[in-house]
Amino acid sequence: MEIATKHRVGKLPGVENVLATFADALAADGFIALPLSNEHALLAGAIPGEHRDPFDRMLAAQAIIEELTIVSSDAAFDALGARRLW
């Protein structure tokens, strides 16, 4: 969602091939897509704090609910309560 949105608004030019083959690339590397659920959305909106990026909030909520670790150098995830590696 974030890649497609940033491409649409002109912040990620040249990623058309990534978007067109995204599902195949995930499968080829052994990843599975994690659907966005109502539970994820409700937690994303309820996480306290000043961080306003809705994409970060959704990723943090998914990580918390699914007991996953976010691989990111962005320390903002720490304040959102998500477990982070990097």
C-alpha atoms as a PDB file:
ATOM      1  CA  MET A   1       0.000   0.000   0.000  1.00  0.00           C
ATOM      2  CA  GLU A   2       2.766   2.426   0.883  1.00  0.00           C
ATOM      3  CA  ILE A   3       4.779   1.690  -2.281  1.00  0.00           C
ATOM      4  CA  ALA A   4       1.702   2.108  -4.488  1.00  0.00           C
ATOM      5  CA  THR A   5       0.640   5.312  -2.731  1.00  0.00           C
ATOM      6  CA  LYS A   6       4.082   6.887  -2.890  1.00  0.00           C
ATOM      7  CA  HIS A   7       4.319   5.977  -6.559  1.00  0.00           C
ATOM      8  CA  ARG A   8       0.891   7.505  -7.240  1.00  0.00           C
ATOM      9  CA  VAL A   9       1.860  10.824  -5.629  1.00  0.00           C
ATOM     10  CA  GLY A  10       5.195  10.942  -7.471  1.00  0.00           C
ATOM     11  CA  LYS A  11       7.531  10.096  -4.588  1.00  0.00           C
ATOM     12  CA  LEU A  12       8.644   6.744  -6.074  1.00  0.00           C
ATOM     13  CA  PRO A  13       8.983   7.117  -9.819  1.00  0.00           C
ATOM     14  CA  GLY A  14      10.161   4.108 -11.793  1.00  0.00           C
ATOM     15  CA  VAL A  15       8.687   1.358  -9.632  1.00  0.00           C
ATOM     16  CA  GLU A  16       6.044   0.252 -12.119  1.00  0.00           C
ATOM     17  CA  ASN A  17       7.739  -3.142 -12.557  1.00  0.00           C
ATOM     18  CA  VAL A  18       7.869  -3.663  -8.788  1.00  0.00           C
ATOM     19  CA  LEU A  19       4.157  -2.952  -8.520  1.00  0.00           C
ATOM     20  CA  ALA A  20       3.269  -5.126 -11.517  1.00  0.00           C
ATOM     21  CA  THR A  21       5.182  -8.150 -10.183  1.00  0.00           C
ATOM     22  CA  PHE A  22       4.808  -7.632  -6.438  1.00  0.00           C
ATOM     23  CA  ALA A  23       2.729 -10.745  -5.694  1.00  0.00           C
ATOM     24  CA  ASP A  24       5.044 -12.941  -7.779  1.00  0.00           C
ATOM     25  CA  ALA A  25       8.138 -11.505  -6.085  1.00  0.00           C
ATOM     26  CA  LEU A  26       6.687 -12.204  -2.635  1.00  0.00           C
ATOM     27  CA  ALA A  27       5.870 -15.798  -3.565  1.00  0.00           C
ATOM     28  CA  ALA A  28       9.262 -16.373  -5.231  1.00  0.00           C
ATOM     29  CA  ASP A  29      11.045 -15.312  -2.045  1.00  0.00           C
ATOM     30  CA  GLY A  30       8.815 -17.449   0.166  1.00  0.00           C
ATOM     31  CA  PHE A  31       6.850 -14.588   1.730  1.00  0.00           C
ATOM     32  CA  ILE A  32       3.119 -14.566   2.297  1.00  0.00           C
ATOM     33  CA  ALA A  33       0.965 -11.448   2.292  1.00  0.00           C
ATOM     34  CA  LEU A  34      -0.483 -10.409   5.643  1.00  0.00           C
ATOM     35  CA  PRO A  35      -4.005  -9.082   5.095  1.00  0.00           C
ATOM     36  CA  LEU A  36      -5.143  -5.913   6.853  1.00  0.00           C
ATOM     37  CA  SER A  37      -7.853  -6.836   9.342  1.00  0.00           C
ATOM     38  CA  ASN A  38     -10.370  -4.808  11.292  1.00  0.00           C
ATOM     39  CA  GLU A  39      -8.377  -5.627  14.421  1.00  0.00           C
ATOM     40  CA  HIS A  40      -5.202  -4.218  12.827  1.00  0.00           C
ATOM     41  CA  ALA A  41      -7.001  -1.054  11.737  1.00  0.00           C
ATOM     42  CA  LEU A  42      -8.579  -0.429  15.128  1.00  0.00           C
ATOM     43  CA  LEU A  43      -5.288  -0.858  16.962  1.00  0.00           C
ATOM     44  CA  ALA A  44      -3.446   1.330  14.440  1.00  0.00           C
ATOM     45  CA  GLY A  45      -5.877   4.148  15.166  1.00  0.00           C
ATOM     46  CA  ALA A  46      -5.758   3.617  18.917  1.00  0.00           C
ATOM     47  CA  ILE A  47      -2.002   3.391  19.527  1.00  0.00           C
ATOM     48  CA  PRO A  48      -1.178   6.405  21.714  1.00  0.00           C
ATOM     49  CA  GLY A  49       1.501   8.871  20.721  1.00  0.00           C
ATOM     50  CA  GLU A  50       2.226  11.715  18.390  1.00  0.00           C
ATOM     51  CA  HIS A  51       3.487   9.680  15.421  1.00  0.00           C
ATOM     52  CA  ARG A  52       1.024  10.480  12.634  1.00  0.00           C
ATOM     53  CA  ASP A  53       2.174   8.294   9.712  1.00  0.00           C
ATOM     54  CA  PRO A  54      -0.751   5.932   9.035  1.00  0.00           C
ATOM     55  CA  PHE A  55       1.474   3.407   7.237  1.00  0.00           C
ATOM     56  CA  ASP A  56       3.824   3.139  10.227  1.00  0.00           C
ATOM     57  CA  ARG A  57       0.865   2.831  12.581  1.00  0.00           C
ATOM     58  CA  MET A  58      -0.634   0.004  10.501  1.00  0.00           C
ATOM     59  CA  LEU A  59       2.676  -1.866  10.310  1.00  0.00           C
ATOM     60  CA  ALA A  60       3.162  -1.473  14.064  1.00  0.00           C
ATOM     61  CA  ALA A  61      -0.361  -2.708  14.782  1.00  0.00           C
ATOM     62  CA  GLN A  62       0.118  -5.756  12.558  1.00  0.00           C
ATOM     63  CA  ALA A  63       3.449  -6.542  14.218  1.00  0.00           C
ATOM     64  CA  ILE A  64       1.948  -6.246  17.700  1.00  0.00           C
ATOM     65  CA  ILE A  65      -1.141  -8.354  16.985  1.00  0.00           C
ATOM     66  CA  GLU A  66       0.645 -11.009  14.927  1.00  0.00           C
ATOM     67  CA  GLU A  67       3.645 -11.087  17.322  1.00  0.00           C
ATOM     68  CA  LEU A  68       6.064 -10.209  14.516  1.00  0.00           C
ATOM     69  CA  THR A  69       9.256  -8.163  14.419  1.00  0.00           C
ATOM     70  CA  ILE A  70       9.538  -5.171  12.101  1.00  0.00           C
ATOM     71  CA  VAL A  71      12.849  -5.021  10.238  1.00  0.00           C
ATOM     72  CA  SER A  72      13.540  -1.295   9.987  1.00  0.00           C
ATOM     73  CA  SER A  73      16.097   1.300  11.032  1.00  0.00           C
ATOM     74  CA  ASP A  74      13.232   3.698  11.857  1.00  0.00           C
ATOM     75  CA  ALA A  75      13.122   4.174  15.636  1.00  0.00           C
ATOM     76  CA  ALA A  76       9.559   5.544  15.335  1.00  0.00           C
ATOM     77  CA  PHE A  77       8.336   1.949  15.599  1.00  0.00           C
ATOM     78  CA  ASP A  78       9.763   1.723  19.114  1.00  0.00           C
ATOM     79  CA  ALA A  79       7.463   4.516  20.301  1.00  0.00           C
ATOM     80  CA  LEU A  80       4.505   2.741  18.692  1.00  0.00           C
ATOM     81  CA  GLY A  81       5.149  -0.390  20.754  1.00  0.00           C
ATOM     82  CA  ALA A  82       6.300  -2.675  17.946  1.00  0.00           C
ATOM     83  CA  ARG A  83       9.261  -5.006  18.330  1.00  0.00           C
ATOM     84  CA  ARG A  84      11.973  -3.861  15.896  1.00  0.00           C
ATOM     85  CA  LEU A  85      15.185  -5.346  14.516  1.00  0.00           C
ATOM     86  CA  TRP A  86      17.923  -3.201  12.983  1.00  0.00           C
END
